[in-house]
C-alpha atoms as a PDB file:
ATOM      1  CA  MET A   1     -33.290 -15.697-111.689  1.00  0.00           C
ATOM      2  CA  ASN A   2     -32.560 -12.429-112.142  1.00  0.00           C
ATOM      3  CA  LEU A   3     -30.249  -9.208-110.956  1.00  0.00           C
ATOM      4  CA  ARG A   4     -32.971  -7.856-108.189  1.00  0.00           C
ATOM      5  CA  ASP A   5     -33.690 -11.165-106.911  1.00  0.00           C
ATOM      6  CA  PHE A   6     -29.892 -12.017-106.514  1.00  0.00           C
ATOM      7  CA  LYS A   7     -29.370  -8.657-104.696  1.00  0.00           C
ATOM      8  CA  LYS A   8     -32.264  -9.438-102.330  1.00  0.00           C
ATOM      9  CA  ASP A   9     -31.069 -12.919-101.741  1.00  0.00           C
ATOM     10  CA  VAL A  10     -27.046 -11.442-100.729  1.00  0.00           C
ATOM     11  CA  GLU A  11     -28.711  -8.890 -98.147  1.00  0.00           C
ATOM     12  CA  TYR A  12     -30.909 -11.298 -96.717  1.00  0.00           C
ATOM     13  CA  LEU A  13     -27.960 -14.373 -96.228  1.00  0.00           C
ATOM     14  CA  VAL A  14     -25.299 -11.894 -95.181  1.00  0.00           C
ATOM     15  CA  GLY A  15     -27.902  -9.651 -93.046  1.00  0.00           C
ATOM     16  CA  GLU A  16     -29.072 -13.059 -91.361  1.00  0.00           C
ATOM     17  CA  PHE A  17     -25.402 -14.252 -90.912  1.00  0.00           C
ATOM     18  CA  VAL A  18     -24.795 -10.872 -89.016  1.00  0.00           C
ATOM     19  CA  ASP A  19     -27.763 -10.859 -86.929  1.00  0.00           C
ATOM     20  CA  ASP A  20     -26.643 -14.229 -85.422  1.00  0.00           C
ATOM     21  CA  CYS A  21     -23.389 -12.703 -84.837  1.00  0.00           C
ATOM     22  CA  THR A  22     -24.850 -10.019 -83.008  1.00  0.00           C
ATOM     23  CA  LEU A  23     -26.712 -12.099 -81.015  1.00  0.00           C
ATOM     24  CA  PHE A  24     -24.130 -14.517 -79.881  1.00  0.00           C
ATOM     25  CA  LEU A  25     -22.272 -11.448 -78.731  1.00  0.00           C
ATOM     26  CA  ALA A  26     -25.252 -10.237 -77.081  1.00  0.00           C
ATOM     27  CA  ILE A  27     -25.717 -12.818 -75.363  1.00  0.00           C
ATOM     28  CA  ASN A  28     -22.234 -14.032 -74.464  1.00  0.00           C
ATOM     29  CA  PRO A  29     -20.489 -10.421 -74.193  1.00  0.00           C
ATOM     30  CA  ASN A  30     -17.267 -11.459 -72.515  1.00  0.00           C
ATOM     31  CA  LYS A  31     -16.460 -14.073 -75.230  1.00  0.00           C
ATOM     32  CA  ALA A  32     -14.552 -14.445 -78.482  1.00  0.00           C
ATOM     33  CA  SER A  33     -15.541 -10.844 -79.470  1.00  0.00           C
ATOM     34  CA  ASP A  34     -12.593 -10.552 -81.492  1.00  0.00           C
ATOM     35  CA  GLU A  35     -13.245 -13.301 -83.380  1.00  0.00           C
ATOM     36  CA  VAL A  36     -16.607 -12.700 -84.053  1.00  0.00           C
ATOM     37  CA  ALA A  37     -15.245  -9.516 -85.079  1.00  0.00           C
ATOM     38  CA  ALA A  38     -13.347 -10.950 -87.630  1.00  0.00           C
ATOM     39  CA  VAL A  39     -15.683 -13.354 -89.107  1.00  0.00           C
ATOM     40  CA  ILE A  40     -17.992 -10.399 -89.084  1.00  0.00           C
ATOM     41  CA  GLU A  41     -15.490  -8.295 -91.654  1.00  0.00           C
ATOM     42  CA  GLU A  42     -15.706 -11.331 -93.601  1.00  0.00           C
ATOM     43  CA  ALA A  43     -19.020 -11.588 -94.293  1.00  0.00           C
ATOM     44  CA  ILE A  44     -19.206  -7.569 -94.871  1.00  0.00           C
ATOM     45  CA  ASP A  45     -16.645  -8.385 -97.817  1.00  0.00           C
ATOM     46  CA  LEU A  46     -18.486 -11.214 -98.931  1.00  0.00           C
ATOM     47  CA  TYR A  47     -21.548  -8.907 -99.208  1.00  0.00           C
ATOM     48  CA  ASN A  48     -19.417  -6.597-100.988  1.00  0.00           C
ATOM     49  CA  ASN A  49     -18.107  -8.784-103.719  1.00  0.00           C
ATOM     50  CA  MET A  50     -21.127 -10.221-104.296  1.00  0.00           C
ATOM     51  CA  LYS A  51     -22.899  -6.839-104.931  1.00  0.00           C
ATOM     52  CA  ASP A  52     -19.829  -5.841-107.444  1.00  0.00           C
ATOM     53  CA  ALA A  53     -20.218  -9.118-109.168  1.00  0.00           C
ATOM     54  CA  ALA A  54     -23.669  -8.827-109.748  1.00  0.00           C
ATOM     55  CA  ASN A  55     -23.486  -5.477-110.908  1.00  0.00           C
ATOM     56  CA  GLU A  56     -20.684  -6.202-113.893  1.00  0.00           C
ATOM     57  CA  SER A  57     -21.978  -6.315-117.580  1.00  0.00           C
ATOM     58  CA  VAL A  58     -22.928  -9.572-118.541  1.00  0.00           C
ATOM     59  CA  GLU A  59     -22.829 -10.907-121.851  1.00  0.00           C
ATOM     60  CA  GLY A  60     -24.852 -14.169-122.879  1.00  0.00           C
ATOM     61  CA  LYS A  61     -27.087 -15.933-120.345  1.00  0.00           C
ATOM     62  CA  LYS A  62     -27.322 -13.705-117.675  1.00  0.00           C
ATOM     63  CA  ALA A  63     -29.580 -16.534-115.810  1.00  0.00           C
ATOM     64  CA  ALA A  64     -26.522 -18.960-115.515  1.00  0.00           C
ATOM     65  CA  TYR A  65     -24.402 -16.155-114.193  1.00  0.00           C
ATOM     66  CA  TYR A  66     -26.138 -15.202-111.478  1.00  0.00           C
ATOM     67  CA  ALA A  67     -27.252 -18.756-110.770  1.00  0.00           C
ATOM     68  CA  GLY A  68     -23.334 -19.363-110.623  1.00  0.00           C
ATOM     69  CA  LEU A  69     -23.294 -16.248-108.098  1.00  0.00           C
ATOM     70  CA  ARG A  70     -25.892 -17.495-106.249  1.00  0.00           C
ATOM     71  CA  LYS A  71     -24.092 -20.656-105.903  1.00  0.00           C
ATOM     72  CA  GLU A  72     -20.792 -19.551-104.937  1.00  0.00           C
ATOM     73  CA  MET A  73     -22.562 -17.067-102.453  1.00  0.00           C
ATOM     74  CA  CYS A  74     -24.235 -20.150-100.327  1.00  0.00           C
ATOM     75  CA  GLU A  75     -21.255 -21.645-100.419  1.00  0.00           C
ATOM     76  CA  LYS A  76     -19.288 -18.870 -98.555  1.00  0.00           C
ATOM     77  CA  VAL A  77     -22.089 -18.280 -96.239  1.00  0.00           C
ATOM     78  CA  ASP A  78     -21.892 -22.018 -95.407  1.00  0.00           C
ATOM     79  CA  ALA A  79     -18.309 -21.608 -94.886  1.00  0.00           C
ATOM     80  CA  LEU A  80     -18.800 -18.640 -92.605  1.00  0.00           C
ATOM     81  CA  TYR A  81     -21.615 -20.400 -90.406  1.00  0.00           C
ATOM     82  CA  GLU A  82     -19.181 -23.291 -90.056  1.00  0.00           C
ATOM     83  CA  LYS A  83     -16.800 -20.662 -88.783  1.00  0.00           C
ATOM     84  CA  LEU A  84     -19.280 -19.009 -85.950  1.00  0.00           C
ATOM     85  CA  SER A  85     -20.395 -22.387 -85.047  1.00  0.00           C
ATOM     86  CA  SER A  86     -16.433 -23.621 -84.111  1.00  0.00           C
ATOM     87  CA  ILE A  87     -15.996 -20.430 -82.370  1.00  0.00           C
ATOM     88  CA  VAL A  88     -19.455 -20.932 -80.547  1.00  0.00           C
ATOM     89  CA  ILE A  89     -18.343 -24.483 -79.653  1.00  0.00           C
ATOM     90  CA  SER A  90     -15.067 -23.378 -78.474  1.00  0.00           C
ATOM     91  CA  LYS A  91     -15.817 -21.179 -76.445  1.00  0.00           C
ATOM     92  CA  LYS A  92     -18.455 -22.997 -74.188  1.00  0.00           C
END
């Protein structure tokens, strides 16, 4: 695990989440747009925070640091997907 791979993972995972949100909004233009927009804002904040954490100087075991960041990112993206799922379910 290195910095370049981590940054690509952040861009891919958060980008796919935002794509899923915009797909929901495109299919359901009149439903929960404010709620989905708030979740998209959370995703953007996650993206920025992960990029900032990745750019911090790391002393010692860099691989372990990036593995921890990857785990944290995956957990937070899962939480965002759960929020989106609850929005989708409640708006049927």
